[in-house]
Amino acid sequence: KDDAIKVNTTSIYFADVALLWWCRRSTDEKPGGNTIRTWEEFQRELKKQFYPQYAEKEARAKLCYLTQLFGSMFGRLASKESSNLL
């Protein structure tokens, strides 16, 4: 019962494309078919629909790049400041 409350409460806040997806998903369900019954199923279906397959990998790659970029910028800045102190 708690899962049904979570799913119903969350779906109230959907807008635009997510709302259309949920309405279609809810009305397409057939008796005994692929009905979302648990919070885990809801999260899985939502991610499958809206979370790109490689989004996490791409985000990690961007973070790694930015870390290296800012690390080298900080290193150059620190080196310049230390040489100014001498």
PDB file of N, CA and C in Angstrom:
ATOM      1  N   LYS A   1       0.830  -1.199   0.000  1.00  0.00           N
ATOM      2  CA  LYS A   1       0.000   0.000   0.000  1.00  0.00           C
ATOM      3  C   LYS A   1       0.870   1.258   0.000  1.00  0.00           C
ATOM      4  N   ASP A   2       1.973   1.233   0.751  1.00  0.00           N
ATOM      5  CA  ASP A   2       2.870   2.395   0.773  1.00  0.00           C
ATOM      6  C   ASP A   2       3.430   2.688  -0.613  1.00  0.00           C
ATOM      7  N   ASP A   3       3.755   1.632  -1.377  1.00  0.00           N
ATOM      8  CA  ASP A   3       4.277   1.830  -2.729  1.00  0.00           C
ATOM      9  C   ASP A   3       3.251   2.525  -3.617  1.00  0.00           C
ATOM     10  N   ALA A   4       2.002   2.121  -3.518  1.00  0.00           N
ATOM     11  CA  ALA A   4       0.944   2.744  -4.328  1.00  0.00           C
ATOM     12  C   ALA A   4       0.803   4.219  -3.980  1.00  0.00           C
ATOM     13  N   ILE A   5       0.924   4.541  -2.712  1.00  0.00           N
ATOM     14  CA  ILE A   5       0.838   5.944  -2.284  1.00  0.00           C
ATOM     15  C   ILE A   5       2.000   6.741  -2.867  1.00  0.00           C
ATOM     16  N   LYS A   6       3.212   6.178  -2.814  1.00  0.00           N
ATOM     17  CA  LYS A   6       4.390   6.857  -3.367  1.00  0.00           C
ATOM     18  C   LYS A   6       4.223   7.105  -4.866  1.00  0.00           C
ATOM     19  N   VAL A   7       3.790   6.072  -5.582  1.00  0.00           N
ATOM     20  CA  VAL A   7       3.632   6.189  -7.035  1.00  0.00           C
ATOM     21  C   VAL A   7       2.575   7.234  -7.372  1.00  0.00           C
ATOM     22  N   ASN A   8       1.437   7.155  -6.715  1.00  0.00           N
ATOM     23  CA  ASN A   8       0.351   8.100  -6.996  1.00  0.00           C
ATOM     24  C   ASN A   8       0.720   9.530  -6.615  1.00  0.00           C
ATOM     25  N   THR A   9       1.388   9.693  -5.485  1.00  0.00           N
ATOM     26  CA  THR A   9       1.797  11.028  -5.046  1.00  0.00           C
ATOM     27  C   THR A   9       2.827  11.618  -6.002  1.00  0.00           C
ATOM     28  N   THR A  10       3.804  10.828  -6.385  1.00  0.00           N
ATOM     29  CA  THR A  10       4.842  11.314  -7.296  1.00  0.00           C
ATOM     30  C   THR A  10       4.256  11.703  -8.642  1.00  0.00           C
ATOM     31  N   SER A  11       3.359  10.887  -9.148  1.00  0.00           N
ATOM     32  CA  SER A  11       2.801  11.153 -10.477  1.00  0.00           C
ATOM     33  C   SER A  11       1.960  12.431 -10.514  1.00  0.00           C
ATOM     34  N   ILE A  12       1.494  12.890  -9.371  1.00  0.00           N
ATOM     35  CA  ILE A  12       0.740  14.149  -9.304  1.00  0.00           C
ATOM     36  C   ILE A  12       1.607  15.327  -9.755  1.00  0.00           C
ATOM     37  N   TYR A  13       2.908  15.242  -9.497  1.00  0.00           N
ATOM     38  CA  TYR A  13       3.815  16.349  -9.787  1.00  0.00           C
ATOM     39  C   TYR A  13       4.397  16.312 -11.196  1.00  0.00           C
ATOM     40  N   PHE A  14       4.028  15.324 -11.996  1.00  0.00           N
ATOM     41  CA  PHE A  14       4.531  15.253 -13.364  1.00  0.00           C
ATOM     42  C   PHE A  14       3.981  16.401 -14.198  1.00  0.00           C
ATOM     43  N   ALA A  15       4.782  16.838 -15.152  1.00  0.00           N
ATOM     44  CA  ALA A  15       4.357  17.888 -16.086  1.00  0.00           C
ATOM     45  C   ALA A  15       4.892  17.549 -17.471  1.00  0.00           C
ATOM     46  N   ASP A  16       4.309  18.157 -18.460  1.00  0.00           N
ATOM     47  CA  ASP A  16       4.764  18.076 -19.844  1.00  0.00           C
ATOM     48  C   ASP A  16       4.929  16.629 -20.317  1.00  0.00           C
ATOM     49  N   VAL A  17       6.128  16.293 -20.779  1.00  0.00           N
ATOM     50  CA  VAL A  17       6.378  14.987 -21.372  1.00  0.00           C
ATOM     51  C   VAL A  17       6.185  13.865 -20.355  1.00  0.00           C
ATOM     52  N   ALA A  18       6.617  14.093 -19.125  1.00  0.00           N
ATOM     53  CA  ALA A  18       6.463  13.058 -18.096  1.00  0.00           C
ATOM     54  C   ALA A  18       4.990  12.777 -17.821  1.00  0.00           C
ATOM     55  N   LEU A  19       4.186  13.816 -17.807  1.00  0.00           N
ATOM     56  CA  LEU A  19       2.752  13.638 -17.578  1.00  0.00           C
ATOM     57  C   LEU A  19       2.113  12.868 -18.731  1.00  0.00           C
ATOM     58  N   LEU A  20       2.475  13.207 -19.952  1.00  0.00           N
ATOM     59  CA  LEU A  20       1.958  12.472 -21.105  1.00  0.00           C
ATOM     60  C   LEU A  20       2.357  11.002 -21.045  1.00  0.00           C
ATOM     61  N   TRP A  21       3.635  10.756 -20.713  1.00  0.00           N
ATOM     62  CA  TRP A  21       4.107   9.373 -20.596  1.00  0.00           C
ATOM     63  C   TRP A  21       3.302   8.626 -19.544  1.00  0.00           C
ATOM     64  N   TRP A  22       3.101   9.234 -18.378  1.00  0.00           N
ATOM     65  CA  TRP A  22       2.398   8.562 -17.290  1.00  0.00           C
ATOM     66  C   TRP A  22       0.938   8.296 -17.656  1.00  0.00           C
ATOM     67  N   CYS A  23       0.284   9.256 -18.278  1.00  0.00           N
ATOM     68  CA  CYS A  23      -1.113   9.050 -18.698  1.00  0.00           C
ATOM     69  C   CYS A  23      -1.205   7.905 -19.697  1.00  0.00           C
ATOM     70  N   ARG A  24      -0.318   7.912 -20.666  1.00  0.00           N
ATOM     71  CA  ARG A  24      -0.308   6.843 -21.663  1.00  0.00           C
ATOM     72  C   ARG A  24       0.021   5.506 -21.006  1.00  0.00           C
ATOM     73  N   ARG A  25       1.000   5.520 -20.122  1.00  0.00           N
ATOM     74  CA  ARG A  25       1.428   4.287 -19.441  1.00  0.00           C
ATOM     75  C   ARG A  25       0.298   3.742 -18.581  1.00  0.00           C
ATOM     76  N   SER A  26      -0.420   4.610 -17.917  1.00  0.00           N
ATOM     77  CA  SER A  26      -1.505   4.191 -17.029  1.00  0.00           C
ATOM     78  C   SER A  26      -2.706   3.667 -17.812  1.00  0.00           C
ATOM     79  N   THR A  27      -3.033   4.312 -18.932  1.00  0.00           N
ATOM     80  CA  THR A  27      -4.215   3.888 -19.694  1.00  0.00           C
ATOM     81  C   THR A  27      -3.931   2.680 -20.572  1.00  0.00           C
ATOM     82  N   ASP A  28      -2.661   2.452 -20.904  1.00  0.00           N
ATOM     83  CA  ASP A  28      -2.311   1.301 -21.736  1.00  0.00           C
ATOM     84  C   ASP A  28      -2.267  -0.005 -20.956  1.00  0.00           C
ATOM     85  N   GLU A  29      -2.300   0.087 -19.637  1.00  0.00           N
ATOM     86  CA  GLU A  29      -2.210  -1.126 -18.827  1.00  0.00           C
ATOM     87  C   GLU A  29      -3.452  -1.982 -19.031  1.00  0.00           C
ATOM     88  N   LYS A  30      -3.210  -3.245 -19.280  1.00  0.00           N
ATOM     89  CA  LYS A  30      -4.308  -4.188 -19.449  1.00  0.00           C
ATOM     90  C   LYS A  30      -4.442  -5.004 -18.171  1.00  0.00           C
ATOM     91  N   PRO A  31      -5.633  -5.488 -17.872  1.00  0.00           N
ATOM     92  CA  PRO A  31      -5.795  -6.325 -16.678  1.00  0.00           C
ATOM     93  C   PRO A  31      -4.833  -7.516 -16.725  1.00  0.00           C
ATOM     94  N   GLY A  32      -4.073  -7.663 -15.646  1.00  0.00           N
ATOM     95  CA  GLY A  32      -3.093  -8.742 -15.576  1.00  0.00           C
ATOM     96  C   GLY A  32      -1.851  -8.479 -16.399  1.00  0.00           C
ATOM     97  N   GLY A  33      -1.760  -7.308 -16.978  1.00  0.00           N
ATOM     98  CA  GLY A  33      -0.623  -6.961 -17.833  1.00  0.00           C
ATOM     99  C   GLY A  33       0.542  -6.410 -17.044  1.00  0.00           C
ATOM    100  N   ASN A  34       1.245  -5.500 -17.652  1.00  0.00           N
ATOM    101  CA  ASN A  34       2.466  -4.934 -17.086  1.00  0.00           C
ATOM    102  C   ASN A  34       2.150  -3.726 -16.201  1.00  0.00           C
ATOM    103  N   THR A  35       1.408  -3.952 -15.140  1.00  0.00           N
ATOM    104  CA  THR A  35       1.015  -2.889 -14.226  1.00  0.00           C
ATOM    105  C   THR A  35       2.156  -2.586 -13.259  1.00  0.00           C
ATOM    106  N   ILE A  36       2.382  -1.321 -13.010  1.00  0.00           N
ATOM    107  CA  ILE A  36       3.390  -0.929 -12.022  1.00  0.00           C
ATOM    108  C   ILE A  36       2.778  -1.113 -10.642  1.00  0.00           C
ATOM    109  N   ARG A  37       3.391  -1.985  -9.852  1.00  0.00           N
ATOM    110  CA  ARG A  37       2.840  -2.298  -8.539  1.00  0.00           C
ATOM    111  C   ARG A  37       3.715  -1.821  -7.379  1.00  0.00           C
ATOM    112  N   THR A  38       4.993  -1.647  -7.626  1.00  0.00           N
ATOM    113  CA  THR A  38       5.893  -1.272  -6.533  1.00  0.00           C
ATOM    114  C   THR A  38       6.654   0.004  -6.879  1.00  0.00           C
ATOM    115  N   TRP A  39       7.215   0.608  -5.840  1.00  0.00           N
ATOM    116  CA  TRP A  39       8.020   1.811  -6.010  1.00  0.00           C
ATOM    117  C   TRP A  39       9.243   1.509  -6.874  1.00  0.00           C
ATOM    118  N   GLU A  40       9.851   0.341  -6.676  1.00  0.00           N
ATOM    119  CA  GLU A  40      11.022  -0.040  -7.462  1.00  0.00           C
ATOM    120  C   GLU A  40      10.670  -0.166  -8.946  1.00  0.00           C
ATOM    121  N   GLU A  41       9.522  -0.779  -9.249  1.00  0.00           N
ATOM    122  CA  GLU A  41       9.081  -0.886 -10.645  1.00  0.00           C
ATOM    123  C   GLU A  41       8.851   0.502 -11.245  1.00  0.00           C
ATOM    124  N   PHE A  42       8.246   1.375 -10.462  1.00  0.00           N
ATOM    125  CA  PHE A  42       7.979   2.742 -10.919  1.00  0.00           C
ATOM    126  C   PHE A  42       9.287   3.452 -11.256  1.00  0.00           C
ATOM    127  N   GLN A  43      10.263   3.367 -10.355  1.00  0.00           N
ATOM    128  CA  GLN A  43      11.548   4.014 -10.582  1.00  0.00           C
ATOM    129  C   GLN A  43      12.246   3.430 -11.810  1.00  0.00           C
ATOM    130  N   ARG A  44      12.208   2.109 -11.947  1.00  0.00           N
ATOM    131  CA  ARG A  44      12.847   1.454 -13.084  1.00  0.00           C
ATOM    132  C   ARG A  44      12.215   1.908 -14.408  1.00  0.00           C
ATOM    133  N   GLU A  45      10.887   1.929 -14.470  1.00  0.00           N
ATOM    134  CA  GLU A  45      10.192   2.342 -15.695  1.00  0.00           C
ATOM    135  C   GLU A  45      10.446   3.817 -16.018  1.00  0.00           C
ATOM    136  N   LEU A  46      10.454   4.649 -15.002  1.00  0.00           N
ATOM    137  CA  LEU A  46      10.704   6.078 -15.196  1.00  0.00           C
ATOM    138  C   LEU A  46      12.115   6.311 -15.726  1.00  0.00           C
ATOM    139  N   LYS A  47      13.097   5.642 -15.126  1.00  0.00           N
ATOM    140  CA  LYS A  47      14.480   5.781 -15.588  1.00  0.00           C
ATOM    141  C   LYS A  47      14.639   5.246 -17.003  1.00  0.00           C
ATOM    142  N   LYS A  48      13.980   4.121 -17.282  1.00  0.00           N
ATOM    143  CA  LYS A  48      14.069   3.540 -18.618  1.00  0.00           C
ATOM    144  C   LYS A  48      13.530   4.508 -19.675  1.00  0.00           C
ATOM    145  N   GLN A  49      12.507   5.248 -19.313  1.00  0.00           N
ATOM    146  CA  GLN A  49      11.884   6.176 -20.254  1.00  0.00           C
ATOM    147  C   GLN A  49      12.669   7.480 -20.412  1.00  0.00           C
ATOM    148  N   PHE A  50      13.207   8.019 -19.308  1.00  0.00           N
ATOM    149  CA  PHE A  50      13.763   9.376 -19.344  1.00  0.00           C
ATOM    150  C   PHE A  50      15.251   9.491 -19.047  1.00  0.00           C
ATOM    151  N   TYR A  51      15.884   8.447 -18.580  1.00  0.00           N
ATOM    152  CA  TYR A  51      17.296   8.528 -18.219  1.00  0.00           C
ATOM    153  C   TYR A  51      18.115   7.888 -19.334  1.00  0.00           C
ATOM    154  N   PRO A  52      18.875   8.677 -20.082  1.00  0.00           N
ATOM    155  CA  PRO A  52      19.655   8.109 -21.184  1.00  0.00           C
ATOM    156  C   PRO A  52      20.576   6.988 -20.703  1.00  0.00           C
ATOM    157  N   GLN A  53      20.742   5.994 -21.557  1.00  0.00           N
ATOM    158  CA  GLN A  53      21.485   4.793 -21.188  1.00  0.00           C
ATOM    159  C   GLN A  53      22.906   5.104 -20.720  1.00  0.00           C
ATOM    160  N   TYR A  54      23.558   6.040 -21.357  1.00  0.00           N
ATOM    161  CA  TYR A  54      24.952   6.316 -21.027  1.00  0.00           C
ATOM    162  C   TYR A  54      25.135   7.634 -20.279  1.00  0.00           C
ATOM    163  N   ALA A  55      24.098   8.163 -19.703  1.00  0.00           N
ATOM    164  CA  ALA A  55      24.179   9.467 -19.037  1.00  0.00           C
ATOM    165  C   ALA A  55      25.181   9.459 -17.888  1.00  0.00           C
ATOM    166  N   GLU A  56      25.167   8.410 -17.091  1.00  0.00           N
ATOM    167  CA  GLU A  56      26.090   8.358 -15.951  1.00  0.00           C
ATOM    168  C   GLU A  56      27.533   8.293 -16.432  1.00  0.00           C
ATOM    169  N   LYS A  57      27.796   7.485 -17.449  1.00  0.00           N
ATOM    170  CA  LYS A  57      29.152   7.362 -17.984  1.00  0.00           C
ATOM    171  C   LYS A  57      29.627   8.702 -18.555  1.00  0.00           C
ATOM    172  N   GLU A  58      28.755   9.382 -19.289  1.00  0.00           N
ATOM    173  CA  GLU A  58      29.101  10.684 -19.860  1.00  0.00           C
ATOM    174  C   GLU A  58      29.341  11.722 -18.767  1.00  0.00           C
ATOM    175  N   ALA A  59      28.522  11.712 -17.732  1.00  0.00           N
ATOM    176  CA  ALA A  59      28.685  12.670 -16.634  1.00  0.00           C
ATOM    177  C   ALA A  59      30.005  12.435 -15.915  1.00  0.00           C
ATOM    178  N   ARG A  60      30.359  11.173 -15.705  1.00  0.00           N
ATOM    179  CA  ARG A  60      31.638  10.874 -15.047  1.00  0.00           C
ATOM    180  C   ARG A  60      32.821  11.313 -15.907  1.00  0.00           C
ATOM    181  N   ALA A  61      32.723  11.115 -17.214  1.00  0.00           N
ATOM    182  CA  ALA A  61      33.797  11.529 -18.118  1.00  0.00           C
ATOM    183  C   ALA A  61      33.961  13.049 -18.094  1.00  0.00           C
ATOM    184  N   LYS A  62      32.851  13.782 -18.101  1.00  0.00           N
ATOM    185  CA  LYS A  62      32.908  15.246 -18.028  1.00  0.00           C
ATOM    186  C   LYS A  62      33.506  15.707 -16.706  1.00  0.00           C
ATOM    187  N   LEU A  63      33.122  15.056 -15.622  1.00  0.00           N
ATOM    188  CA  LEU A  63      33.665  15.407 -14.313  1.00  0.00           C
ATOM    189  C   LEU A  63      35.168  15.166 -14.276  1.00  0.00           C
ATOM    190  N   CYS A  64      35.602  14.053 -14.826  1.00  0.00           N
ATOM    191  CA  CYS A  64      37.033  13.742 -14.875  1.00  0.00           C
ATOM    192  C   CYS A  64      37.779  14.809 -15.681  1.00  0.00           C
ATOM    193  N   TYR A  65      37.228  15.179 -16.830  1.00  0.00           N
ATOM    194  CA  TYR A  65      37.843  16.208 -17.674  1.00  0.00           C
ATOM    195  C   TYR A  65      37.943  17.535 -16.932  1.00  0.00           C
ATOM    196  N   LEU A  66      36.841  17.947 -16.297  1.00  0.00           N
ATOM    197  CA  LEU A  66      36.841  19.225 -15.577  1.00  0.00           C
ATOM    198  C   LEU A  66      37.795  19.195 -14.390  1.00  0.00           C
ATOM    199  N   THR A  67      37.864  18.058 -13.714  1.00  0.00           N
ATOM    200  CA  THR A  67      38.791  17.919 -12.589  1.00  0.00           C
ATOM    201  C   THR A  67      40.224  18.099 -13.066  1.00  0.00           C
ATOM    202  N   GLN A  68      40.560  17.463 -14.191  1.00  0.00           N
ATOM    203  CA  GLN A  68      41.910  17.600 -14.737  1.00  0.00           C
ATOM    204  C   GLN A  68      42.168  19.031 -15.206  1.00  0.00           C
ATOM    205  N   LEU A  69      41.189  19.622 -15.869  1.00  0.00           N
ATOM    206  CA  LEU A  69      41.334  20.982 -16.380  1.00  0.00           C
ATOM    207  C   LEU A  69      41.567  21.974 -15.247  1.00  0.00           C
ATOM    208  N   PHE A  70      40.699  21.929 -14.244  1.00  0.00           N
ATOM    209  CA  PHE A  70      40.833  22.871 -13.134  1.00  0.00           C
ATOM    210  C   PHE A  70      42.043  22.547 -12.270  1.00  0.00           C
ATOM    211  N   GLY A  71      42.392  21.270 -12.196  1.00  0.00           N
ATOM    212  CA  GLY A  71      43.594  20.887 -11.454  1.00  0.00           C
ATOM    213  C   GLY A  71      44.840  21.483 -12.078  1.00  0.00           C
ATOM    214  N   SER A  72      44.929  21.411 -13.410  1.00  0.00           N
ATOM    215  CA  SER A  72      46.109  21.970 -14.079  1.00  0.00           C
ATOM    216  C   SER A  72      46.092  23.497 -14.013  1.00  0.00           C
ATOM    217  N   MET A  73      44.901  24.098 -14.107  1.00  0.00           N
ATOM    218  CA  MET A  73      44.807  25.558 -13.988  1.00  0.00           C
ATOM    219  C   MET A  73      45.233  25.997 -12.591  1.00  0.00           C
ATOM    220  N   PHE A  74      44.779  25.277 -11.581  1.00  0.00           N
ATOM    221  CA  PHE A  74      45.140  25.611 -10.210  1.00  0.00           C
ATOM    222  C   PHE A  74      46.638  25.424  -9.999  1.00  0.00           C
ATOM    223  N   GLY A  75      47.185  24.360 -10.583  1.00  0.00           N
ATOM    224  CA  GLY A  75      48.625  24.110 -10.457  1.00  0.00           C
ATOM    225  C   GLY A  75      49.442  25.233 -11.063  1.00  0.00           C
ATOM    226  N   ARG A  76      49.030  25.702 -12.243  1.00  0.00           N
ATOM    227  CA  ARG A  76      49.750  26.817 -12.887  1.00  0.00           C
ATOM    228  C   ARG A  76      49.628  28.091 -12.064  1.00  0.00           C
ATOM    229  N   LEU A  77      48.444  28.341 -11.533  1.00  0.00           N
ATOM    230  CA  LEU A  77      48.224  29.534 -10.727  1.00  0.00           C
ATOM    231  C   LEU A  77      49.059  29.481  -9.449  1.00  0.00           C
ATOM    232  N   ALA A  78      49.076  28.337  -8.790  1.00  0.00           N
ATOM    233  CA  ALA A  78      49.854  28.188  -7.560  1.00  0.00           C
ATOM    234  C   ALA A  78      51.340  28.348  -7.850  1.00  0.00           C
ATOM    235  N   SER A  79      51.786  27.799  -8.970  1.00  0.00           N
ATOM    236  CA  SER A  79      53.191  27.918  -9.350  1.00  0.00           C
ATOM    237  C   SER A  79      53.552  29.379  -9.608  1.00  0.00           C
ATOM    238  N   LYS A  80      52.669  30.091 -10.292  1.00  0.00           N
ATOM    239  CA  LYS A  80      52.906  31.505 -10.592  1.00  0.00           C
ATOM    240  C   LYS A  80      52.955  32.324  -9.306  1.00  0.00           C
ATOM    241  N   GLU A  81      52.030  32.057  -8.396  1.00  0.00           N
ATOM    242  CA  GLU A  81      51.992  32.794  -7.128  1.00  0.00           C
ATOM    243  C   GLU A  81      53.235  32.511  -6.293  1.00  0.00           C
ATOM    244  N   SER A  82      53.675  31.253  -6.269  1.00  0.00           N
ATOM    245  CA  SER A  82      54.860  30.933  -5.468  1.00  0.00           C
ATOM    246  C   SER A  82      56.108  31.571  -6.064  1.00  0.00           C
ATOM    247  N   SER A  83      56.179  31.670  -7.391  1.00  0.00           N
ATOM    248  CA  SER A  83      57.342  32.320  -8.000  1.00  0.00           C
ATOM    249  C   SER A  83      57.315  33.827  -7.747  1.00  0.00           C
ATOM    250  N   ASN A  84      56.118  34.406  -7.618  1.00  0.00           N
ATOM    251  CA  ASN A  84      56.011  35.830  -7.298  1.00  0.00           C
ATOM    252  C   ASN A  84      56.464  36.106  -5.870  1.00  0.00           C
ATOM    253  N   LEU A  85      56.300  35.125  -4.987  1.00  0.00           N
ATOM    254  CA  LEU A  85      56.715  35.302  -3.599  1.00  0.00           C
ATOM    255  C   LEU A  85      58.229  35.287  -3.457  1.00  0.00           C
ATOM    256  N   LEU A  86      58.889  34.595  -4.379  1.00  0.00           N
ATOM    257  CA  LEU A  86      60.351  34.496  -4.299  1.00  0.00           C
ATOM    258  C   LEU A  86      60.933  35.725  -4.865  1.00  0.00           C
TER     259      LEU A  86
END
